[in-house]
C-alpha atoms as a PDB file:
ATOM      1  CA  MET A   1     110.523 104.729  92.273  1.00  0.00           C
ATOM      2  CA  ASP A   2     107.459 104.568  90.004  1.00  0.00           C
ATOM      3  CA  VAL A   3     104.288 104.241  92.071  1.00  0.00           C
ATOM      4  CA  ILE A   4     100.875 103.295  90.690  1.00  0.00           C
ATOM      5  CA  CYS A   5      98.078 104.906  92.705  1.00  0.00           C
ATOM      6  CA  ASP A   6      94.725 103.257  93.221  1.00  0.00           C
ATOM      7  CA  THR A   7      91.422 104.982  93.933  1.00  0.00           C
ATOM      8  CA  SER A   8      91.601 104.634  97.728  1.00  0.00           C
ATOM      9  CA  PHE A   9      95.050 106.238  97.864  1.00  0.00           C
ATOM     10  CA  LEU A  10      94.018 109.197  95.695  1.00  0.00           C
ATOM     11  CA  ILE A  11      90.915 109.806  97.810  1.00  0.00           C
ATOM     12  CA  ALA A  12      93.065 109.661 100.956  1.00  0.00           C
ATOM     13  CA  LEU A  13      95.514 112.177  99.474  1.00  0.00           C
ATOM     14  CA  VAL A  14      92.678 114.669  99.046  1.00  0.00           C
ATOM     15  CA  SER A  15      91.483 114.138 102.603  1.00  0.00           C
ATOM     16  CA  ASN A  16      94.959 113.962 104.223  1.00  0.00           C
ATOM     17  CA  PRO A  17      97.879 115.221 102.109  1.00  0.00           C
ATOM     18  CA  ILE A  18     101.197 113.462 102.775  1.00  0.00           C
ATOM     19  CA  LYS A  19     103.244 115.593 105.151  1.00  0.00           C
ATOM     20  CA  CYS A  20     106.386 113.472 105.247  1.00  0.00           C
ATOM     21  CA  LEU A  21     106.981 113.039 101.501  1.00  0.00           C
ATOM     22  CA  ASP A  22     110.268 115.014 101.462  1.00  0.00           C
ATOM     23  CA  LYS A  23     111.698 112.882 104.271  1.00  0.00           C
ATOM     24  CA  VAL A  24     110.616 109.648 102.555  1.00  0.00           C
ATOM     25  CA  GLU A  25     112.143 110.763  99.248  1.00  0.00           C
ATOM     26  CA  SER A  26     115.421 111.674 100.960  1.00  0.00           C
ATOM     27  CA  GLU A  27     115.546 108.103 102.323  1.00  0.00           C
ATOM     28  CA  ILE A  28     114.490 106.081  99.258  1.00  0.00           C
ATOM     29  CA  GLY A  29     114.637 108.437  96.270  1.00  0.00           C
ATOM     30  CA  LYS A  30     112.114 110.339  94.195  1.00  0.00           C
ATOM     31  CA  LEU A  31     108.584 108.912  94.037  1.00  0.00           C
ATOM     32  CA  ARG A  32     106.919 109.267  90.633  1.00  0.00           C
ATOM     33  CA  PHE A  33     103.179 108.809  91.107  1.00  0.00           C
ATOM     34  CA  LYS A  34     101.299 107.352  88.135  1.00  0.00           C
ATOM     35  CA  VAL A  35      97.556 106.858  87.722  1.00  0.00           C
ATOM     36  CA  PRO A  36      96.079 104.278  85.342  1.00  0.00           C
ATOM     37  CA  SER A  37      93.297 105.762  83.233  1.00  0.00           C
ATOM     38  CA  PHE A  38      90.915 103.098  84.571  1.00  0.00           C
ATOM     39  CA  VAL A  39      91.467 104.484  88.093  1.00  0.00           C
ATOM     40  CA  LEU A  40      90.276 107.858  86.777  1.00  0.00           C
ATOM     41  CA  ASP A  41      87.257 106.035  85.307  1.00  0.00           C
ATOM     42  CA  GLU A  42      86.537 104.580  88.750  1.00  0.00           C
ATOM     43  CA  LEU A  43      86.868 108.044  90.345  1.00  0.00           C
ATOM     44  CA  ASN A  44      84.461 109.441  87.733  1.00  0.00           C
ATOM     45  CA  SER A  45      81.989 106.721  88.695  1.00  0.00           C
ATOM     46  CA  VAL A  46      82.378 107.579  92.400  1.00  0.00           C
ATOM     47  CA  GLU A  47      81.821 111.246  91.556  1.00  0.00           C
ATOM     48  CA  ARG A  48      78.593 110.481  89.642  1.00  0.00           C
ATOM     49  CA  LYS A  49      77.125 107.949  92.075  1.00  0.00           C
ATOM     50  CA  SER A  50      78.029 109.347  95.500  1.00  0.00           C
ATOM     51  CA  GLY A  51      76.666 112.022  97.770  1.00  0.00           C
ATOM     52  CA  PRO A  52      77.910 115.624  97.622  1.00  0.00           C
ATOM     53  CA  LYS A  53      80.928 115.241  99.954  1.00  0.00           C
ATOM     54  CA  LYS A  54      82.353 112.083  98.373  1.00  0.00           C
ATOM     55  CA  SER A  55      81.599 113.462  94.880  1.00  0.00           C
ATOM     56  CA  MET A  56      83.610 116.577  95.656  1.00  0.00           C
ATOM     57  CA  ILE A  57      86.520 114.494  97.002  1.00  0.00           C
ATOM     58  CA  ALA A  58      86.484 112.278  93.887  1.00  0.00           C
ATOM     59  CA  ASN A  59      86.409 115.351  91.627  1.00  0.00           C
ATOM     60  CA  THR A  60      89.368 116.875  93.497  1.00  0.00           C
ATOM     61  CA  ALA A  61      91.279 113.572  93.237  1.00  0.00           C
ATOM     62  CA  ILE A  62      90.694 113.560  89.461  1.00  0.00           C
ATOM     63  CA  ARG A  63      91.905 117.149  89.083  1.00  0.00           C
ATOM     64  CA  ILE A  64      95.011 116.571  91.246  1.00  0.00           C
ATOM     65  CA  SER A  65      95.822 113.382  89.338  1.00  0.00           C
ATOM     66  CA  LYS A  66      95.653 115.161  85.988  1.00  0.00           C
ATOM     67  CA  LEU A  67      97.712 118.132  87.215  1.00  0.00           C
ATOM     68  CA  LYS A  68     100.386 116.448  89.328  1.00  0.00           C
ATOM     69  CA  PHE A  69     100.701 112.816  88.215  1.00  0.00           C
ATOM     70  CA  GLU A  70     101.349 110.921  84.999  1.00  0.00           C
ATOM     71  CA  ILE A  71      98.229 109.277  83.567  1.00  0.00           C
ATOM     72  CA  MET A  72      98.937 105.811  82.159  1.00  0.00           C
ATOM     73  CA  ASP A  73      96.681 104.360  79.488  1.00  0.00           C
ATOM     74  CA  ILE A  74      97.042 100.628  80.113  1.00  0.00           C
ATOM     75  CA  GLY A  75      93.640  99.586  78.805  1.00  0.00           C
ATOM     76  CA  LYS A  76      90.131  99.272  80.147  1.00  0.00           C
ATOM     77  CA  SER A  77      89.316  97.494  83.377  1.00  0.00           C
ATOM     78  CA  LYS A  78      86.563  95.218  84.595  1.00  0.00           C
ATOM     79  CA  ASN A  79      88.150  94.937  88.045  1.00  0.00           C
ATOM     80  CA  VAL A  80      90.573  97.712  89.005  1.00  0.00           C
ATOM     81  CA  ASP A  81      92.298  95.774  91.810  1.00  0.00           C
ATOM     82  CA  ASN A  82      92.871  92.682  89.647  1.00  0.00           C
ATOM     83  CA  ASP A  83      94.154  94.776  86.762  1.00  0.00           C
ATOM     84  CA  ILE A  84      96.582  96.729  88.966  1.00  0.00           C
ATOM     85  CA  LEU A  85      97.871  93.465  90.476  1.00  0.00           C
ATOM     86  CA  ASN A  86      98.249  91.832  87.054  1.00  0.00           C
ATOM     87  CA  TYR A  87     100.015  94.870  85.615  1.00  0.00           C
ATOM     88  CA  VAL A  88     102.570  95.240  88.409  1.00  0.00           C
ATOM     89  CA  THR A  89     103.370  91.536  88.570  1.00  0.00           C
ATOM     90  CA  ARG A  90     104.190  91.695  84.841  1.00  0.00           C
ATOM     91  CA  ASN A  91     106.062  95.011  85.218  1.00  0.00           C
ATOM     92  CA  ARG A  92     108.137  94.615  88.380  1.00  0.00           C
ATOM     93  CA  LYS A  93     109.519  98.166  88.329  1.00  0.00           C
ATOM     94  CA  PHE A  94     106.336  99.546  89.923  1.00  0.00           C
ATOM     95  CA  ALA A  95     105.221  99.901  93.516  1.00  0.00           C
ATOM     96  CA  VAL A  96     101.518 100.333  94.329  1.00  0.00           C
ATOM     97  CA  ALA A  97     100.021 102.962  96.642  1.00  0.00           C
ATOM     98  CA  THR A  98      96.731 101.839  98.181  1.00  0.00           C
ATOM     99  CA  LEU A  99      94.718 101.859 101.387  1.00  0.00           C
ATOM    100  CA  ASP A 100      92.659  98.845 100.299  1.00  0.00           C
ATOM    101  CA  GLY A 101      93.455  96.079 102.804  1.00  0.00           C
ATOM    102  CA  MET A 102      92.565  93.183 100.509  1.00  0.00           C
ATOM    103  CA  LEU A 103      94.636  94.605  97.646  1.00  0.00           C
ATOM    104  CA  LEU A 104      97.551  95.275 100.032  1.00  0.00           C
ATOM    105  CA  ASN A 105      97.540  91.644 101.138  1.00  0.00           C
ATOM    106  CA  ARG A 106      97.431  90.379  97.547  1.00  0.00           C
ATOM    107  CA  LEU A 107     100.281  92.701  96.518  1.00  0.00           C
ATOM    108  CA  ARG A 108     102.420  91.731  99.510  1.00  0.00           C
ATOM    109  CA  THR A 109     101.845  88.035  98.778  1.00  0.00           C
ATOM    110  CA  ALA A 110     103.008  88.687  95.194  1.00  0.00           C
ATOM    111  CA  ASP A 111     106.140  90.441  96.582  1.00  0.00           C
ATOM    112  CA  VAL A 112     105.170  93.820  95.127  1.00  0.00           C
ATOM    113  CA  THR A 113     106.387  96.938  96.947  1.00  0.00           C
ATOM    114  CA  THR A 114     103.423  98.672  98.558  1.00  0.00           C
ATOM    115  CA  ILE A 115     102.879 102.134  99.957  1.00  0.00           C
ATOM    116  CA  THR A 116     100.068 102.906 102.351  1.00  0.00           C
ATOM    117  CA  LEU A 117      99.204 105.604 104.861  1.00  0.00           C
ATOM    118  CA  SER A 118      98.498 105.194 108.565  1.00  0.00           C
ATOM    119  CA  LYS A 119      98.272 107.904 111.238  1.00  0.00           C
ATOM    120  CA  ASN A 120      99.950 110.511 108.994  1.00  0.00           C
ATOM    121  CA  LYS A 121     102.805 108.118 108.237  1.00  0.00           C
ATOM    122  CA  MET A 122     103.771 106.521 104.960  1.00  0.00           C
ATOM    123  CA  ILE A 123     104.418 102.776 105.253  1.00  0.00           C
ATOM    124  CA  ILE A 124     106.475 101.038 102.591  1.00  0.00           C
ATOM    125  CA  ALA A 125     106.508  97.224 102.526  1.00  0.00           C
ATOM    126  CA  ASN A 126     108.365  94.627 100.416  1.00  0.00           C
ATOM    127  CA  ARG A 127     111.044  97.196  99.569  1.00  0.00           C
ATOM    128  CA  TYR A 128     114.438  95.722  98.921  1.00  0.00           C
ATOM    129  CA  PHE A 129     117.514  97.941  99.003  1.00  0.00           C
ATOM    130  CA  GLU A 130     120.601  96.981  97.062  1.00  0.00           C
ATOM    131  CA  GLY A 131     124.068  97.744  98.232  1.00  0.00           C
END
């Protein structure tokens, strides 16, 4: 499954790496994390404008994204959440990984598969299995 990561998810990954990823992938298949370039732009902004701790977390999220995930150039963004929602509703093959409650609600309403983290668990919603 192709999964677009937003800023909140990438920051959470730095703070709390996913421990159950192998188990999740054995259940639903390989997760291919992708990061829109405008999410990296938002992380760069967080790095520049935040205090030392949050700047370091944003910098680490940028480095991990570039090393481990595919970077997608899907244009510039004025509103990252709106642009992620618009992109995935036009390209239904993507799920979205986020911890942003408002974005989660909007994605779920649009019937987009979402991935979020809670208490060291990965929660997948709006996932339909064929068979």
